[in-house]
Amino acid sequence: MSTLTAPATRQPVRAADRVASARRRVSVGETLGQTMMMAWRAVKKMFRNPEQFIDVTMQPILFTAMFAYIFGGAIAGNVGNYLPLMIPGILAQTVLTTCMATGTQLREDMEKGVFDRFKSLPIARIAPLAGPMVADLVRYTIASGLTFGMGILMGYRPGGGVFGTLGAIALSIVTGWSLAWAFTWVGTIARSAQAVQGISMMIMFPLTFLSNAFVPVDTLPGWLAAFVRVNPVSHLVTAARDLANNGVVSGEVAWTLLACLICILIFAPLAVRSYKRHI
């Protein structure tokens, strides 16, 4: 006697499940290539929207001239004596304030639905996030170069020579890129681009101005000087001064790189995890 078995019940398959099952795993090489493709997209977007370069072109020029002529006589006696103290500080301020735009632009793309279109593409999910981060290195380089260029036009002569100046620029770019992960995380959790910009300014401006970027630490009150000495921005400014003015790789470089590593280890996973919730 044959035994009849009931037909298996077929479960409905959702469209999202079919797409997920059909999507193959993206290799590391493909991920890198797709990241660079997204970086090129971000660079083209920058050049097609010149207003995105206002902060990296006008800010170094305006801040360098303004701070030099307003504070130079009061702090150092004259502008010429103030430039070696101020230019590395302007360098740090310019690069760090430039990286705030990373989170703002990310939030704008998310609001416009750009990332919704990326969901349908067979690409690595990290590529749309990492690509703009790579492209922002162009912005940091332009801002750094203009800062030193404006300082040289005003009479600043880096004692560290070409290699010391390039070392200061490279250290500032690494620091800006590291801190950009924090603003990227803010961009994934804030509700609007305006909120991202407001939160970023509340974070960055105290760190920048409560540092040794524009005034010597020994002129500050004791309680404020204690904070300034442990401020990571102060370590960056001091390291940039040692490199640009003296051509010396001091221990401040190591402290700055350690702060960069800690920032990446904390905020990069947070940014990626929060970003994946939107993809």
Protein backbone atom coordinates (compact mmCIF):
# COMPACT_ATOMS: atom_id res chain seq x y z
CA MET A 1 0.00 0.00 0.00
CA SER A 2 1.46 3.34 -0.97
CA THR A 3 1.58 6.13 1.51
CA LEU A 4 0.40 9.53 0.34
CA THR A 5 2.29 12.53 1.67
CA ALA A 6 0.85 15.97 1.85
CA PRO A 7 2.45 18.45 -0.51
CA ALA A 8 4.86 20.83 1.17
CA THR A 9 3.49 24.25 1.82
CA ARG A 10 5.30 26.85 -0.27
CA GLN A 11 6.23 29.99 1.58
CA PRO A 12 5.83 33.27 -0.32
CA VAL A 13 9.17 34.72 -1.33
CA ARG A 14 9.57 38.43 -0.90
CA ALA A 15 11.22 40.56 -3.57
CA ALA A 16 13.88 41.68 -1.11
CA ASP A 17 14.75 38.05 -0.34
CA ARG A 18 15.10 37.23 -4.04
CA VAL A 19 17.44 40.19 -4.53
CA ALA A 20 19.48 39.21 -1.48
CA SER A 21 19.80 35.59 -2.62
CA ALA A 22 20.82 36.64 -6.12
CA ARG A 23 23.40 39.13 -4.92
CA ARG A 24 26.87 37.66 -4.88
CA ARG A 25 29.52 38.49 -2.33
CA VAL A 26 31.70 41.45 -3.31
CA SER A 27 35.43 40.78 -3.10
CA VAL A 28 37.95 43.05 -1.39
CA GLY A 29 39.38 44.17 -4.72
CA GLU A 30 35.94 45.02 -6.05
CA THR A 31 35.17 46.91 -2.84
CA LEU A 32 38.30 49.03 -3.26
CA GLY A 33 37.50 49.71 -6.90
CA GLN A 34 33.92 50.67 -6.11
CA THR A 35 35.11 52.91 -3.29
CA MET A 36 37.41 54.77 -5.67
CA MET A 37 34.55 55.03 -8.16
CA MET A 38 32.41 56.67 -5.49
CA ALA A 39 35.33 58.91 -4.59
CA TRP A 40 35.58 60.02 -8.22
CA ARG A 41 31.83 60.69 -8.21
CA ALA A 42 32.26 62.91 -5.13
CA VAL A 43 35.19 64.78 -6.72
CA LYS A 44 33.18 65.43 -9.90
CA LYS A 45 30.30 66.64 -7.74
CA MET A 46 32.65 69.09 -6.02
CA PHE A 47 33.92 70.58 -9.25
CA ARG A 48 30.41 70.83 -10.69
CA ASN A 49 29.31 72.71 -7.56
CA PRO A 50 32.06 75.28 -6.92
CA GLU A 51 30.27 76.56 -3.82
CA GLN A 52 31.47 73.41 -2.05
CA PHE A 53 35.00 74.80 -2.31
CA ILE A 54 34.20 78.11 -0.61
CA ASP A 55 35.16 76.81 2.82
CA VAL A 56 38.47 75.38 1.60
CA THR A 57 39.42 78.36 -0.57
CA MET A 58 38.10 81.49 1.13
CA GLN A 59 38.39 80.41 4.76
CA PRO A 60 42.20 79.91 4.79
CA ILE A 61 42.76 83.26 3.09
CA LEU A 62 40.30 85.25 5.23
CA PHE A 63 41.23 83.66 8.55
CA THR A 64 44.97 83.99 7.96
CA ALA A 65 44.76 87.69 7.09
CA MET A 66 42.16 88.49 9.74
CA PHE A 67 43.83 86.74 12.67
CA ALA A 68 47.29 88.01 11.73
CA TYR A 69 46.36 91.68 11.54
CA ILE A 70 43.92 91.66 14.48
CA PHE A 71 45.92 89.63 17.01
CA GLY A 72 49.48 89.90 15.70
CA GLY A 73 50.37 93.18 17.39
CA ALA A 74 48.63 92.34 20.67
CA ILE A 75 50.09 88.85 21.10
CA ALA A 76 53.51 88.91 19.41
CA GLY A 77 54.25 92.61 18.96
CA ASN A 78 53.89 92.55 15.17
CA VAL A 79 52.49 90.44 12.38
CA GLY A 80 55.84 88.97 11.35
CA ASN A 81 56.52 87.54 14.80
CA TYR A 82 52.99 86.17 15.07
CA LEU A 83 52.98 84.22 11.80
CA PRO A 84 55.16 81.28 12.99
CA LEU A 85 52.80 80.87 15.94
CA MET A 86 49.58 81.41 13.99
CA ILE A 87 50.04 79.64 10.63
CA PRO A 88 50.20 76.09 12.10
CA GLY A 89 47.17 77.00 14.21
CA ILE A 90 45.25 78.23 11.15
CA LEU A 91 46.31 75.04 9.36
CA ALA A 92 44.78 72.87 12.07
CA GLN A 93 41.64 75.00 12.30
CA THR A 94 41.09 75.05 8.54
CA VAL A 95 41.47 71.30 8.03
CA LEU A 96 39.37 70.40 11.05
CA THR A 97 36.54 72.79 10.20
CA THR A 98 36.63 71.55 6.60
CA CYS A 99 35.98 67.98 7.72
CA MET A 100 32.69 69.08 9.29
CA ALA A 101 31.20 69.22 5.78
CA THR A 102 31.56 65.42 5.46
CA GLY A 103 28.63 64.68 7.75
CA THR A 104 26.51 67.50 6.34
CA GLN A 105 26.89 66.31 2.74
CA LEU A 106 26.22 62.72 3.77
CA ARG A 107 22.96 63.75 5.44
CA GLU A 108 21.96 65.76 2.36
CA ASP A 109 22.49 62.73 0.11
CA MET A 110 20.42 60.58 2.45
CA GLU A 111 17.61 63.14 2.45
CA LYS A 112 17.61 63.36 -1.35
CA GLY A 113 17.27 59.59 -1.70
CA VAL A 114 20.67 59.05 -3.31
CA PHE A 115 21.42 56.09 -1.07
CA ASP A 116 18.08 54.53 -1.90
CA ARG A 117 19.30 54.20 -5.49
CA PHE A 118 22.56 52.68 -4.30
CA LYS A 119 20.58 49.87 -2.63
CA SER A 120 19.63 48.44 -6.03
CA LEU A 121 23.22 48.34 -7.28
CA PRO A 122 25.40 45.21 -6.89
CA ILE A 123 28.11 47.09 -5.00
CA ALA A 124 29.69 46.88 -1.58
CA ARG A 125 27.51 48.63 0.97
CA ILE A 126 30.52 50.46 2.43
CA ALA A 127 31.55 52.03 -0.90
CA PRO A 128 29.05 54.95 -0.89
CA LEU A 129 30.23 55.86 2.62
CA ALA A 130 33.99 55.40 2.14
CA GLY A 131 34.14 57.03 -1.31
CA PRO A 132 33.33 60.58 -0.17
CA MET A 133 35.76 60.15 2.73
CA VAL A 134 38.54 59.49 0.22
CA ALA A 135 37.44 62.39 -1.97
CA ASP A 136 37.58 64.78 0.98
CA LEU A 137 41.35 64.32 1.03
CA VAL A 138 41.37 66.66 -1.98
CA ARG A 139 39.58 69.33 0.06
CA TYR A 140 42.01 68.99 2.96
CA THR A 141 45.00 69.27 0.63
CA ILE A 142 43.66 72.42 -1.03
CA ALA A 143 42.87 74.05 2.33
CA SER A 144 46.32 73.21 3.73
CA GLY A 145 48.16 74.46 0.66
CA LEU A 146 46.27 77.76 0.61
CA THR A 147 46.95 78.32 4.31
CA PHE A 148 50.70 78.07 3.86
CA GLY A 149 50.53 79.95 0.56
CA MET A 150 48.74 82.89 2.18
CA GLY A 151 51.17 82.85 5.09
CA ILE A 152 54.16 82.96 2.74
CA LEU A 153 52.63 85.90 0.88
CA MET A 154 52.35 87.72 4.22
CA GLY A 155 56.00 87.08 5.05
CA TYR A 156 55.99 83.71 6.80
CA ARG A 157 59.13 81.63 6.15
CA PRO A 158 58.90 78.05 7.44
CA GLY A 159 62.16 77.17 9.12
CA GLY A 160 61.51 73.48 8.58
CA GLY A 161 61.79 73.87 4.83
CA VAL A 162 59.83 71.94 2.25
CA PHE A 163 59.89 68.60 4.07
CA GLY A 164 58.86 70.13 7.39
CA THR A 165 56.00 71.99 5.72
CA LEU A 166 54.82 68.91 3.86
CA GLY A 167 55.03 66.91 7.08
CA ALA A 168 52.83 69.45 8.88
CA ILE A 169 50.32 69.35 6.01
CA ALA A 170 50.26 65.55 5.94
CA LEU A 171 49.73 65.33 9.70
CA SER A 172 46.86 67.81 9.50
CA ILE A 173 45.23 65.88 6.66
CA VAL A 174 45.46 62.61 8.60
CA THR A 175 43.93 64.29 11.65
CA GLY A 176 41.12 65.84 9.61
CA TRP A 177 40.34 62.54 7.93
CA SER A 178 40.27 60.77 11.30
CA LEU A 179 37.96 63.34 12.87
CA ALA A 180 35.70 63.22 9.81
CA TRP A 181 34.53 59.79 11.00
CA ALA A 182 32.99 61.47 14.04
CA PHE A 183 31.08 63.93 11.85
CA THR A 184 30.10 61.08 9.52
CA TRP A 185 28.54 59.32 12.49
CA VAL A 186 26.71 62.53 13.40
CA GLY A 187 25.47 62.68 9.81
CA THR A 188 23.92 59.21 10.10
CA ILE A 189 22.08 59.87 13.38
CA ALA A 190 20.93 63.49 12.95
CA ARG A 191 17.55 64.21 11.42
CA SER A 192 18.60 66.96 9.01
CA ALA A 193 21.65 68.53 7.42
CA GLN A 194 21.08 71.68 9.48
CA ALA A 195 21.19 69.61 12.66
CA VAL A 196 24.44 67.99 11.56
CA GLN A 197 26.01 71.38 10.93
CA GLY A 198 24.86 72.74 14.29
CA ILE A 199 26.10 69.73 16.26
CA SER A 200 29.41 69.73 14.38
CA MET A 201 30.03 73.40 15.14
CA MET A 202 29.29 72.83 18.82
CA ILE A 203 31.94 70.11 18.84
CA MET A 204 34.62 71.68 16.67
CA PHE A 205 34.75 75.33 17.68
CA PRO A 206 35.42 74.72 21.40
CA LEU A 207 38.12 72.19 20.51
CA THR A 208 39.73 74.61 18.06
CA PHE A 209 39.59 77.85 20.00
CA LEU A 210 40.24 76.29 23.42
CA SER A 211 43.67 75.21 22.24
CA ASN A 212 47.10 76.73 21.73
CA ALA A 213 46.34 77.52 18.08
CA PHE A 214 46.33 81.31 18.48
CA VAL A 215 47.74 82.16 21.92
CA PRO A 216 50.55 80.75 24.09
CA VAL A 217 49.35 78.39 26.81
CA ASP A 218 51.21 80.24 29.58
CA THR A 219 49.00 83.31 29.04
CA LEU A 220 45.83 81.40 29.96
CA PRO A 221 44.27 80.88 33.41
CA GLY A 222 45.39 77.72 35.16
CA TRP A 223 42.10 75.83 34.81
CA LEU A 224 41.89 76.64 31.12
CA ALA A 225 45.57 75.88 30.48
CA ALA A 226 45.04 72.40 31.98
CA PHE A 227 42.35 71.65 29.41
CA VAL A 228 44.35 73.17 26.56
CA ARG A 229 47.35 70.96 27.32
CA VAL A 230 45.31 67.75 26.98
CA ASN A 231 43.25 68.97 24.02
CA PRO A 232 44.13 66.81 20.97
CA VAL A 233 44.02 69.90 18.76
CA SER A 234 46.81 71.43 20.88
CA HIS A 235 48.97 68.36 20.22
CA LEU A 236 48.32 68.73 16.49
CA VAL A 237 49.17 72.45 16.52
CA THR A 238 52.38 71.90 18.51
CA ALA A 239 53.44 69.05 16.24
CA ALA A 240 52.73 71.18 13.15
CA ARG A 241 54.80 74.04 14.60
CA ASP A 242 57.72 71.74 15.34
CA LEU A 243 57.61 70.38 11.80
CA ALA A 244 57.00 73.59 9.87
CA ASN A 245 59.10 75.99 11.95
CA ASN A 246 61.97 73.72 13.02
CA GLY A 247 61.79 70.60 10.87
CA VAL A 248 61.64 68.48 14.04
CA VAL A 249 59.54 65.34 14.46
CA SER A 250 58.71 65.72 18.14
CA GLY A 251 56.79 63.52 20.52
CA GLU A 252 53.70 65.60 19.78
CA VAL A 253 53.47 63.83 16.42
CA ALA A 254 53.08 60.50 18.21
CA TRP A 255 50.42 61.91 20.55
CA THR A 256 48.53 63.32 17.56
CA LEU A 257 48.64 60.02 15.67
CA LEU A 258 47.49 58.18 18.80
CA ALA A 259 44.51 60.54 19.09
CA CYS A 260 43.74 59.90 15.40
CA LEU A 261 43.82 56.14 15.93
CA ILE A 262 41.52 56.36 18.95
CA CYS A 263 39.08 58.54 17.00
CA ILE A 264 38.98 56.06 14.11
CA LEU A 265 38.57 53.04 16.39
CA ILE A 266 35.64 54.67 18.17
CA PHE A 267 33.72 56.51 15.47
CA ALA A 268 34.39 54.46 12.32
CA PRO A 269 32.50 51.39 13.64
CA LEU A 270 29.73 53.62 14.99
CA ALA A 271 29.40 55.41 11.63
CA VAL A 272 29.37 52.17 9.64
CA ARG A 273 26.84 50.51 11.95
CA SER A 274 24.52 53.50 11.89
CA TYR A 275 24.97 53.87 8.14
CA LYS A 276 24.01 50.24 7.50
CA ARG A 277 20.68 50.82 9.19
CA HIS A 278 19.80 53.24 6.39
CA ILE A 279 20.94 50.90 3.57
